[in-house]
């Protein structure tokens, strides 16, 4: 992976309807990444998504960011489970969660989970290289800070590969 592709420009975007924009948590940092990197990430994401679907590497009840799986499918699945429980005179419980800081994924566990799902080693090594030795600068009002190393950066907001990698990482919880 070219070193230049590992540098992100982080732009803090205001979260809507917040009272005090002097508070850092009222901003969402977005990583602006080189276009060629994003194109290559897109190809790798497509390949991983294909493998995930072709070989059933994620739980069937995992609907987020997967092709031909939308919210209405998740709701339909839920309704079927409710009706099935009613017919069997059983009680049904639903657990739902929203993961805060979802992309704060450590590289080593992510790589382990890719290998556990038997993603080809060339893809695993490429992902590992992509997410190590990353750097970033911050861009605010046209002013750019000095580029700094990001030792525990997680998956970058704005990466086209991050959603499928998060699904693989999080699948153990589902």
Protein backbone atom coordinates (compact mmCIF):
# COMPACT_ATOMS: atom_id res chain seq x y z
CA UNK A 1 0.00 0.00 0.00
CA UNK A 2 1.54 3.33 -0.95
CA UNK A 3 2.39 5.40 2.14
CA UNK A 4 0.51 8.40 0.69
CA UNK A 5 -2.72 6.36 0.64
CA UNK A 6 -2.51 5.91 4.40
CA UNK A 7 -2.87 9.64 5.12
CA UNK A 8 -6.36 10.92 5.85
CA UNK A 9 -7.58 14.48 6.12
CA UNK A 10 -10.00 14.54 9.04
CA UNK A 11 -12.79 17.08 8.72
CA UNK A 12 -15.07 17.58 11.73
CA UNK A 13 -18.69 18.00 10.59
CA UNK A 14 -21.29 19.53 12.86
CA UNK A 15 -23.92 17.12 14.12
CA UNK A 16 -27.35 18.60 13.43
CA UNK A 17 -29.48 20.36 16.03
CA UNK A 18 -26.81 20.70 18.73
CA UNK A 19 -26.88 23.67 21.07
CA UNK A 20 -23.19 24.24 21.71
CA UNK A 21 -20.69 23.71 18.88
CA UNK A 22 -17.84 24.61 21.24
CA UNK A 23 -18.18 21.03 22.57
CA UNK A 24 -16.08 18.52 20.60
CA UNK A 25 -18.66 15.71 20.92
CA UNK A 26 -21.07 17.79 18.82
CA UNK A 27 -18.93 17.07 15.76
CA UNK A 28 -18.54 13.91 13.69
CA UNK A 29 -15.04 13.41 12.25
CA UNK A 30 -15.01 12.29 8.62
CA UNK A 31 -11.83 10.98 7.00
CA UNK A 32 -11.18 12.25 3.50
CA UNK A 33 -9.16 9.57 1.76
CA UNK A 34 -7.27 9.47 -1.57
CA UNK A 35 -9.54 8.60 -4.50
CA UNK A 36 -7.40 5.74 -5.82
CA UNK A 37 -7.38 4.16 -2.38
CA UNK A 38 -11.16 4.40 -2.22
CA UNK A 39 -11.47 2.77 -5.66
CA UNK A 40 -9.26 -0.14 -4.60
CA UNK A 41 -11.06 -0.41 -1.25
CA UNK A 42 -14.32 -0.63 -3.16
CA UNK A 43 -13.05 -3.62 -5.14
CA UNK A 44 -11.84 -5.38 -1.98
CA UNK A 45 -15.13 -4.61 -0.21
CA UNK A 46 -17.04 -6.15 -3.13
CA UNK A 47 -14.85 -9.26 -2.96
CA UNK A 48 -15.32 -9.67 0.81
CA UNK A 49 -19.07 -9.05 0.46
CA UNK A 50 -19.23 -11.73 -2.25
CA UNK A 51 -17.37 -14.25 -0.07
CA UNK A 52 -19.57 -13.42 2.93
CA UNK A 53 -22.75 -14.08 0.94
CA UNK A 54 -21.50 -17.01 -1.13
CA UNK A 55 -20.23 -18.97 1.88
CA UNK A 56 -22.66 -17.76 4.55
CA UNK A 57 -19.96 -16.17 6.71
CA UNK A 58 -22.34 -13.86 8.60
CA UNK A 59 -25.48 -14.63 10.59
CA UNK A 60 -28.66 -14.69 8.47
CA UNK A 61 -30.23 -12.18 10.84
CA UNK A 62 -27.56 -9.60 10.05
CA UNK A 63 -29.13 -7.12 7.67
CA UNK A 64 -26.99 -3.96 7.86
CA UNK A 65 -25.11 -2.82 4.74
CA UNK A 66 -25.62 -6.14 2.93
CA UNK A 67 -26.78 -6.37 -0.67
CA UNK A 68 -30.45 -7.24 -1.16
CA UNK A 69 -31.07 -7.00 2.61
CA UNK A 70 -32.94 -3.92 3.65
CA UNK A 71 -34.83 -2.73 6.71
CA UNK A 72 -38.11 -4.16 5.42
CA UNK A 73 -36.50 -7.62 5.31
CA UNK A 74 -35.42 -7.27 8.93
CA UNK A 75 -38.93 -6.18 9.93
CA UNK A 76 -40.49 -9.02 7.96
CA UNK A 77 -38.15 -11.50 9.67
CA UNK A 78 -39.11 -10.05 13.06
CA UNK A 79 -42.84 -10.23 12.28
CA UNK A 80 -42.53 -13.87 11.24
CA UNK A 81 -40.79 -14.69 14.53
CA UNK A 82 -43.51 -12.87 16.49
CA UNK A 83 -46.31 -14.70 14.68
CA UNK A 84 -44.52 -18.03 15.10
CA UNK A 85 -44.19 -17.39 18.85
CA UNK A 86 -47.86 -16.39 19.12
CA UNK A 87 -48.98 -19.52 17.28
CA UNK A 88 -46.88 -21.65 19.63
CA UNK A 89 -48.21 -19.77 22.70
CA UNK A 90 -44.64 -18.75 23.52
CA UNK A 91 -43.04 -15.53 24.70
CA UNK A 92 -40.67 -13.75 22.37
CA UNK A 93 -37.96 -11.32 23.50
CA UNK A 94 -36.22 -8.81 21.28
CA UNK A 95 -32.80 -7.39 21.96
CA UNK A 96 -31.68 -4.43 19.91
CA UNK A 97 -28.50 -2.43 20.24
CA UNK A 98 -26.87 0.58 18.70
CA UNK A 99 -23.10 0.39 18.89
CA UNK A 100 -21.59 3.70 19.96
CA UNK A 101 -18.26 4.40 18.33
CA UNK A 102 -18.90 1.50 15.98
CA UNK A 103 -15.77 1.93 13.89
CA UNK A 104 -13.37 1.91 16.86
CA UNK A 105 -12.19 -1.52 15.78
CA UNK A 106 -8.70 -2.69 16.72
CA UNK A 107 -6.69 -4.09 13.82
CA UNK A 108 -5.54 -7.37 15.41
CA UNK A 109 -9.01 -8.70 16.36
CA UNK A 110 -10.32 -7.67 12.92
CA UNK A 111 -7.54 -9.60 11.17
CA UNK A 112 -8.17 -12.63 13.43
CA UNK A 113 -11.87 -12.61 12.55
CA UNK A 114 -11.17 -12.34 8.81
CA UNK A 115 -8.90 -15.38 9.09
CA UNK A 116 -11.49 -17.28 11.19
CA UNK A 117 -13.95 -16.80 8.32
CA UNK A 118 -11.31 -18.06 5.89
CA UNK A 119 -11.10 -14.88 3.86
CA UNK A 120 -8.17 -15.43 1.45
CA UNK A 121 -4.83 -14.55 3.01
CA UNK A 122 -3.94 -12.08 0.24
CA UNK A 123 -7.02 -10.02 1.14
CA UNK A 124 -6.33 -10.32 4.88
CA UNK A 125 -2.74 -9.11 4.44
CA UNK A 126 -3.91 -6.25 2.20
CA UNK A 127 -6.45 -5.13 4.81
CA UNK A 128 -3.82 -5.45 7.54
CA UNK A 129 -1.40 -3.30 5.56
CA UNK A 130 -4.13 -0.77 4.77
CA UNK A 131 -4.99 -0.26 8.44
CA UNK A 132 -1.48 -0.16 9.92
CA UNK A 133 0.91 2.79 10.00
CA UNK A 134 -1.90 5.20 9.22
CA UNK A 135 -1.51 8.94 9.51
CA UNK A 136 -3.84 11.91 9.52
CA UNK A 137 -4.08 15.64 9.66
CA UNK A 138 -7.07 17.75 10.63
CA UNK A 139 -8.63 20.25 8.25
CA UNK A 140 -10.69 23.04 9.85
CA UNK A 141 -11.74 26.20 8.01
CA UNK A 142 -9.02 25.72 5.38
CA UNK A 143 -6.24 25.26 7.96
CA UNK A 144 -4.40 21.92 7.92
CA UNK A 145 -2.51 20.57 10.93
CA UNK A 146 0.74 18.64 10.76
CA UNK A 147 0.41 14.97 9.72
CA UNK A 148 0.58 12.65 12.74
CA UNK A 149 0.71 8.89 13.27
CA UNK A 150 -2.53 7.15 14.33
CA UNK A 151 -1.50 4.08 16.36
CA UNK A 152 -5.08 2.99 17.29
CA UNK A 153 -7.18 4.56 14.57
CA UNK A 154 -9.88 1.94 14.01
CA UNK A 155 -11.82 1.90 10.75
CA UNK A 156 -11.95 5.33 9.10
CA UNK A 157 -15.27 7.11 8.69
CA UNK A 158 -15.64 7.55 4.95
CA UNK A 159 -13.95 4.27 4.02
CA UNK A 160 -16.01 2.15 1.62
CA UNK A 161 -14.41 -0.96 3.12
CA UNK A 162 -15.23 -0.13 6.74
CA UNK A 163 -18.91 -1.26 6.76
CA UNK A 164 -18.22 -4.84 5.61
CA UNK A 165 -15.19 -5.09 7.91
CA UNK A 166 -17.34 -3.93 10.82
CA UNK A 167 -19.93 -6.60 10.00
CA UNK A 168 -17.23 -9.29 10.07
CA UNK A 169 -15.80 -7.88 13.31
CA UNK A 170 -19.17 -7.63 15.02
CA UNK A 171 -20.64 -10.95 13.80
CA UNK A 172 -19.50 -12.76 16.95
CA UNK A 173 -21.88 -10.62 19.00
CA UNK A 174 -24.97 -11.37 16.92
